[in-house]
Protein backbone atom coordinates (compact mmCIF):
# COMPACT_ATOMS: atom_id res chain seq x y z
CA UNK A 1 93.90 122.48 45.32
CA UNK A 2 91.39 125.08 46.41
CA UNK A 3 87.93 123.54 46.98
CA UNK A 4 86.26 125.93 44.55
CA UNK A 5 88.52 124.51 41.83
CA UNK A 6 88.73 120.90 43.00
CA UNK A 7 85.01 120.25 43.37
CA UNK A 8 83.87 121.40 39.91
CA UNK A 9 86.99 119.93 38.29
CA UNK A 10 86.34 116.52 39.85
CA UNK A 11 82.67 116.67 38.90
CA UNK A 12 83.54 117.63 35.32
CA UNK A 13 86.04 114.78 35.02
CA UNK A 14 83.56 112.19 36.29
CA UNK A 15 80.75 113.60 34.14
CA UNK A 16 82.91 113.43 31.04
CA UNK A 17 83.74 109.80 31.73
CA UNK A 18 80.05 109.06 32.29
CA UNK A 19 78.82 110.95 29.22
CA UNK A 20 81.44 109.35 26.97
CA UNK A 21 80.72 105.91 28.43
CA UNK A 22 84.44 105.55 29.15
CA UNK A 23 84.10 103.78 32.50
CA UNK A 24 81.88 101.15 34.09
CA UNK A 25 79.72 102.24 37.08
CA UNK A 26 82.29 100.84 39.51
CA UNK A 27 85.00 102.48 37.45
CA UNK A 28 83.26 105.84 37.83
CA UNK A 29 83.14 105.48 41.62
CA UNK A 30 86.82 104.56 41.87
CA UNK A 31 87.76 107.32 39.43
CA UNK A 32 85.88 109.85 41.56
CA UNK A 33 87.65 108.69 44.72
CA UNK A 34 90.99 108.81 42.91
CA UNK A 35 90.28 112.35 41.76
CA UNK A 36 89.44 113.37 45.33
CA UNK A 37 92.77 112.00 46.60
CA UNK A 38 94.60 113.97 43.92
CA UNK A 39 92.56 117.10 44.59
CA UNK A 40 93.14 117.28 48.34
CA UNK A 41 96.85 117.80 47.80
CA UNK A 42 97.66 121.55 47.89
CA UNK A 43 99.61 121.32 44.62
CA UNK A 44 97.39 121.31 41.55
CA UNK A 45 99.96 119.48 39.42
CA UNK A 46 98.98 115.98 40.51
CA UNK A 47 95.31 116.47 39.69
CA UNK A 48 96.40 117.94 36.35
CA UNK A 49 98.51 114.85 35.62
CA UNK A 50 95.48 112.65 36.29
CA UNK A 51 93.36 114.76 33.95
CA UNK A 52 95.99 114.81 31.20
CA UNK A 53 96.45 111.05 31.47
CA UNK A 54 92.71 110.43 31.30
CA UNK A 55 92.03 112.82 28.42
CA UNK A 56 95.01 111.84 26.28
CA UNK A 57 94.51 108.17 27.04
CA UNK A 58 90.87 108.39 25.98
CA UNK A 59 91.86 110.28 22.84
CA UNK A 60 94.45 107.75 21.64
CA UNK A 61 92.09 104.89 22.46
CA UNK A 62 89.58 106.32 20.00
CA UNK A 63 92.14 106.84 17.21
CA UNK A 64 91.08 104.58 14.33
CA UNK A 65 89.06 102.50 16.77
CA UNK A 66 87.26 100.63 14.00
CA UNK A 67 90.55 99.53 12.46
CA UNK A 68 91.99 98.44 15.81
CA UNK A 69 88.82 96.50 16.62
CA UNK A 70 89.40 94.34 13.56
CA UNK A 71 92.99 93.50 14.46
CA UNK A 72 92.14 91.47 17.58
CA UNK A 73 89.25 89.48 19.00
CA UNK A 74 87.38 89.91 22.25
CA UNK A 75 87.23 86.96 24.63
CA UNK A 76 83.48 86.92 23.94
CA UNK A 77 84.16 86.13 20.28
CA UNK A 78 83.39 89.58 18.86
CA UNK A 79 85.84 92.12 17.47
CA UNK A 80 88.49 93.41 19.82
CA UNK A 81 89.35 96.96 20.79
CA UNK A 82 89.09 98.79 24.10
CA UNK A 83 85.71 98.78 25.83
CA UNK A 84 84.68 100.64 28.99
CA UNK A 85 87.44 100.59 31.57
CA UNK A 86 86.70 98.93 34.89
CA UNK A 87 87.52 99.96 38.45
CA UNK A 88 90.40 97.47 38.43
CA UNK A 89 91.92 99.15 35.37
CA UNK A 90 91.57 102.57 37.00
CA UNK A 91 93.34 101.35 40.13
CA UNK A 92 96.09 99.61 38.16
CA UNK A 93 97.07 102.94 36.62
CA UNK A 94 96.57 105.28 39.56
CA UNK A 95 96.69 103.52 42.95
CA UNK A 96 100.48 103.78 43.30
CA UNK A 97 100.39 107.51 42.55
CA UNK A 98 97.46 107.98 44.94
CA UNK A 99 99.35 106.38 47.83
CA UNK A 100 102.44 108.48 47.12
CA UNK A 101 100.31 111.62 46.96
CA UNK A 102 98.88 110.89 50.41
CA UNK A 103 102.39 110.36 51.76
CA UNK A 104 103.59 113.63 50.27
CA UNK A 105 100.56 115.49 51.61
CA UNK A 106 101.46 114.15 55.04
CA UNK A 107 105.00 115.48 54.58
CA UNK A 108 103.70 118.95 53.75
CA UNK A 109 101.43 118.95 56.81
CA UNK A 110 104.34 118.01 59.06
CA UNK A 111 106.49 120.76 57.58
CA UNK A 112 103.72 123.25 58.09
CA UNK A 113 103.52 122.31 61.76
CA UNK A 114 107.29 122.81 62.05
CA UNK A 115 106.98 126.20 60.39
CA UNK A 116 109.17 125.20 57.44
CA UNK A 117 108.92 128.14 55.03
CA UNK A 118 110.17 126.08 52.09
CA UNK A 119 106.97 123.99 51.96
CA UNK A 120 105.41 126.47 49.52
CA UNK A 121 107.72 125.38 46.69
CA UNK A 122 109.80 122.37 45.66
CA UNK A 123 113.55 122.81 46.16
CA UNK A 124 115.93 121.06 43.80
CA UNK A 125 117.16 117.65 44.98
CA UNK A 126 114.40 117.09 47.53
CA UNK A 127 111.05 115.34 47.93
CA UNK A 128 111.69 112.17 45.97
CA UNK A 129 108.02 111.30 46.45
CA UNK A 130 107.29 113.89 43.76
CA UNK A 131 109.55 111.96 41.42
CA UNK A 132 107.65 108.76 42.15
CA UNK A 133 104.26 110.35 41.46
CA UNK A 134 105.30 111.89 38.16
CA UNK A 135 107.10 108.68 37.17
CA UNK A 136 103.88 106.72 37.67
CA UNK A 137 101.92 108.85 35.23
CA UNK A 138 104.76 109.12 32.74
CA UNK A 139 105.00 105.32 32.63
CA UNK A 140 101.27 104.54 32.39
CA UNK A 141 100.76 107.27 29.79
CA UNK A 142 103.64 105.85 27.76
CA UNK A 143 102.14 102.37 28.00
CA UNK A 144 98.71 103.60 26.90
CA UNK A 145 100.08 105.56 23.94
CA UNK A 146 102.32 102.67 22.92
CA UNK A 147 99.53 100.08 23.06
CA UNK A 148 96.83 102.14 21.39
CA UNK A 149 98.95 103.63 18.60
CA UNK A 150 101.58 100.93 18.14
CA UNK A 151 98.97 98.38 17.08
CA UNK A 152 98.29 100.56 14.03
CA UNK A 153 101.84 100.13 12.74
CA UNK A 154 102.22 98.79 9.22
CA UNK A 155 105.18 96.75 10.44
CA UNK A 156 104.42 93.48 12.15
CA UNK A 157 105.26 93.53 15.88
CA UNK A 158 108.30 91.68 17.16
CA UNK A 159 108.31 89.87 20.47
CA UNK A 160 110.64 91.70 22.86
CA UNK A 161 111.08 88.65 25.09
CA UNK A 162 111.96 86.12 22.37
CA UNK A 163 115.60 85.20 21.71
CA UNK A 164 115.23 85.85 17.97
CA UNK A 165 112.90 88.87 18.23
CA UNK A 166 110.32 86.93 16.20
CA UNK A 167 107.28 88.45 14.52
CA UNK A 168 103.94 88.08 16.29
CA UNK A 169 100.30 89.09 15.58
CA UNK A 170 99.18 92.64 16.47
CA UNK A 171 98.07 92.89 20.09
CA UNK A 172 100.50 90.26 21.37
CA UNK A 173 101.76 90.98 24.88
CA UNK A 174 105.42 91.91 24.57
CA UNK A 175 105.13 92.75 20.89
CA UNK A 176 106.73 96.08 19.99
CA UNK A 177 107.07 98.25 16.89
CA UNK A 178 109.01 101.43 16.18
CA UNK A 179 105.72 103.33 16.03
CA UNK A 180 104.64 101.95 19.40
CA UNK A 181 107.94 102.74 21.12
CA UNK A 182 107.92 106.26 19.67
CA UNK A 183 104.32 106.77 20.76
CA UNK A 184 105.28 105.66 24.26
CA UNK A 185 107.93 108.36 24.56
CA UNK A 186 105.39 110.87 23.21
CA UNK A 187 102.93 109.95 25.95
CA UNK A 188 105.62 110.27 28.61
CA UNK A 189 106.59 113.66 27.18
CA UNK A 190 103.02 114.91 27.59
CA UNK A 191 103.23 114.13 31.30
CA UNK A 192 106.72 115.63 31.56
CA UNK A 193 105.63 118.90 29.96
CA UNK A 194 102.53 119.11 32.16
CA UNK A 195 104.63 118.60 35.27
CA UNK A 196 107.24 121.18 34.33
CA UNK A 197 104.52 123.77 33.74
CA UNK A 198 102.67 123.18 37.02
CA UNK A 199 105.15 121.92 39.61
CA UNK A 200 105.91 124.65 42.18
CA UNK A 201 109.65 124.74 41.51
CA UNK A 202 111.64 126.98 43.84
CA UNK A 203 113.03 129.65 41.55
CA UNK A 204 116.56 130.94 41.52
CA UNK A 205 117.07 133.89 43.88
CA UNK A 206 113.87 133.33 45.89
CA UNK A 207 113.64 135.72 48.85
CA UNK A 208 111.66 135.46 52.06
CA UNK A 209 109.16 138.01 53.33
CA UNK A 210 111.94 139.56 55.40
CA UNK A 211 114.07 140.06 52.29
CA UNK A 212 116.64 137.46 53.26
CA UNK A 213 117.70 134.85 50.72
CA UNK A 214 116.84 131.24 51.38
CA UNK A 215 119.51 128.57 51.07
CA UNK A 216 118.11 127.39 47.77
CA UNK A 217 118.53 130.60 45.81
CA UNK A 218 121.30 129.16 43.61
CA UNK A 219 120.68 126.83 40.63
CA UNK A 220 120.59 123.16 41.47
CA UNK A 221 123.38 122.34 39.03
CA UNK A 222 125.61 124.78 40.92
CA UNK A 223 124.99 123.19 44.28
CA UNK A 224 121.93 125.21 45.22
CA UNK A 225 118.26 124.31 45.40
CA UNK A 226 116.76 126.57 42.77
CA UNK A 227 115.24 125.33 39.52
CA UNK A 228 116.49 127.26 36.51
CA UNK A 229 116.04 126.66 32.80
CA UNK A 230 118.66 123.91 32.60
CA UNK A 231 117.35 122.07 35.63
CA UNK A 232 113.81 122.13 34.22
CA UNK A 233 115.00 121.00 30.79
CA UNK A 234 116.84 118.08 32.39
CA UNK A 235 113.68 117.23 34.33
CA UNK A 236 111.60 117.04 31.14
CA UNK A 237 114.16 114.85 29.39
CA UNK A 238 114.56 112.55 32.39
CA UNK A 239 110.80 112.09 32.93
CA UNK A 240 110.20 111.50 29.21
CA UNK A 241 113.00 108.94 29.01
CA UNK A 242 111.98 107.17 32.22
CA UNK A 243 108.34 107.00 31.18
CA UNK A 244 109.30 105.57 27.79
CA UNK A 245 111.30 102.88 29.56
CA UNK A 246 108.16 102.08 31.51
CA UNK A 247 106.39 101.20 28.29
CA UNK A 248 109.22 98.81 27.37
CA UNK A 249 109.14 97.30 30.85
CA UNK A 250 105.40 96.71 30.50
CA UNK A 251 106.06 94.91 27.21
CA UNK A 252 108.74 92.76 28.82
CA UNK A 253 106.57 91.88 31.82
CA UNK A 254 103.60 91.17 29.57
CA UNK A 255 105.70 89.04 27.24
CA UNK A 256 107.01 86.94 30.11
CA UNK A 257 104.22 86.81 32.69
CA UNK A 258 101.02 87.24 30.66
CA UNK A 259 99.74 84.65 28.22
CA UNK A 260 98.94 85.87 24.72
CA UNK A 261 96.09 83.70 23.49
CA UNK A 262 95.71 83.14 19.75
CA UNK A 263 92.49 82.16 18.00
CA UNK A 264 93.58 79.43 15.60
CA UNK A 265 90.72 80.03 13.19
CA UNK A 266 91.65 83.66 12.52
CA UNK A 267 95.23 83.90 13.76
CA UNK A 268 94.27 86.93 15.84
CA UNK A 269 95.08 87.68 19.48
CA UNK A 270 92.16 87.22 21.88
CA UNK A 271 91.82 90.06 24.42
CA UNK A 272 90.33 89.50 27.85
CA UNK A 273 87.40 91.68 28.87
CA UNK A 274 88.47 94.43 31.28
CA UNK A 275 92.08 93.30 31.15
CA UNK A 276 91.27 89.86 32.60
CA UNK A 277 92.84 86.55 31.61
CA UNK A 278 91.52 84.76 28.53
CA UNK A 279 90.08 81.28 29.08
CA UNK A 280 91.49 78.51 26.93
CA UNK A 281 88.67 76.07 27.60
CA UNK A 282 84.90 76.35 27.68
CA UNK A 283 82.68 77.24 24.75
CA UNK A 284 85.56 77.70 22.31
CA UNK A 285 85.75 74.09 21.19
CA UNK A 286 86.20 72.93 17.61
CA UNK A 287 84.26 70.03 16.08
CA UNK A 288 87.13 67.65 16.79
CA UNK A 289 86.82 68.42 20.50
CA UNK A 290 89.97 70.53 20.72
CA UNK A 291 90.06 74.16 21.83
CA UNK A 292 90.26 76.77 19.08
CA UNK A 293 92.61 78.80 21.27
CA UNK A 294 96.27 78.35 22.10
CA UNK A 295 98.92 80.27 24.00
CA UNK A 296 101.17 82.04 21.54
CA UNK A 297 103.66 83.38 24.06
CA UNK A 298 104.12 84.06 27.76
CA UNK A 299 102.98 82.16 30.84
CA UNK A 300 99.50 82.50 32.27
CA UNK A 301 100.61 84.03 35.58
CA UNK A 302 99.25 87.60 35.51
CA UNK A 303 96.45 89.37 33.70
CA UNK A 304 96.89 92.72 31.96
CA UNK A 305 95.79 94.72 35.01
CA UNK A 306 98.35 93.03 37.25
CA UNK A 307 101.09 93.66 34.68
CA UNK A 308 100.15 97.35 34.49
CA UNK A 309 100.12 97.67 38.28
CA UNK A 310 103.47 95.92 38.63
CA UNK A 311 105.00 98.14 35.96
CA UNK A 312 103.66 101.32 37.58
CA UNK A 313 105.00 100.22 40.96
CA UNK A 314 108.46 99.35 39.62
CA UNK A 315 108.78 102.60 37.65
CA UNK A 316 107.57 104.75 40.54
CA UNK A 317 109.84 103.11 43.12
CA UNK A 318 112.66 102.87 40.60
CA UNK A 319 112.32 106.57 39.79
CA UNK A 320 112.61 107.44 43.46
CA UNK A 321 115.66 105.19 43.88
CA UNK A 322 117.41 106.80 40.90
CA UNK A 323 116.55 110.30 42.15
CA UNK A 324 117.80 109.44 45.64
CA UNK A 325 121.08 108.18 44.16
CA UNK A 326 121.62 111.16 41.84
CA UNK A 327 120.61 113.70 44.48
CA UNK A 328 122.43 111.80 47.26
CA UNK A 329 119.35 111.56 49.45
CA UNK A 330 118.47 108.69 51.79
CA UNK A 331 115.36 106.78 50.77
CA UNK A 332 114.11 107.14 54.33
CA UNK A 333 113.18 110.74 53.52
CA UNK A 334 109.96 109.50 51.92
CA UNK A 335 108.63 108.80 55.42
CA UNK A 336 109.83 112.03 57.01
């Protein structure tokens, strides 16, 4: 991005998070650094994806917040609901994309040194790092939409990882509803549409300054490297579908590897502050000496932040592997 756009845009994003009390102080610092990494890339699309994810994620978090707060409990004993996001939560959603962006920026610099004229646009069936970056945001957006809107479903969630798909309390890790799954695909679609509008696709029939046609002037579906209407439509559908799968993967990982703690007095799920694990012992002791909390499902291996990071990593790398297979590209191209 141009500095005169990147600087005020980054400042505005951080100021909005500060003014809306969306992030902790450490979260603001990490968010600012993340925005800088996205902004130094010459393509504006990646910064835009970060902004769209942040704004839409904040918006769905606030949807019927009072109702959602009453559906779960905080680990402190108060009502549940999302509080200010921490630096760990920011990194869980964006660190994979940030690393891939730096790798892709390095690729563009190397091409520029070689005098590769194609570096100004993205040819079809190339640069699988771009697929990984977009996949990251499609998946985390889907997960955010699914979690924040799915909990409002009138239907009781069903545990994705149980053999009988049993019903569980709202907020249970691995619990899914039709509303939540649909919301997940909606969130992924928002990222897909943003990317298709801003990615510098190489158009069909692109000519050089000398008037000669490049090799990628034909549509990608016809063996060329140009992005036409059908190629872009397929891109939107693929990103939306892949991001939606990310939401389901997050539910599966959460259902297996993250303990869902139930407060026995209310029957509600207890949420850890800042995505951390919920303690089963300590001050939450009943008069008979037993804990008022129990594990409803899952094993206490990962916290919510680790699950989100693992999901983002798997979907980003998985997206690149699928793209490399479909486009018949070696994975080693991500380091070239």
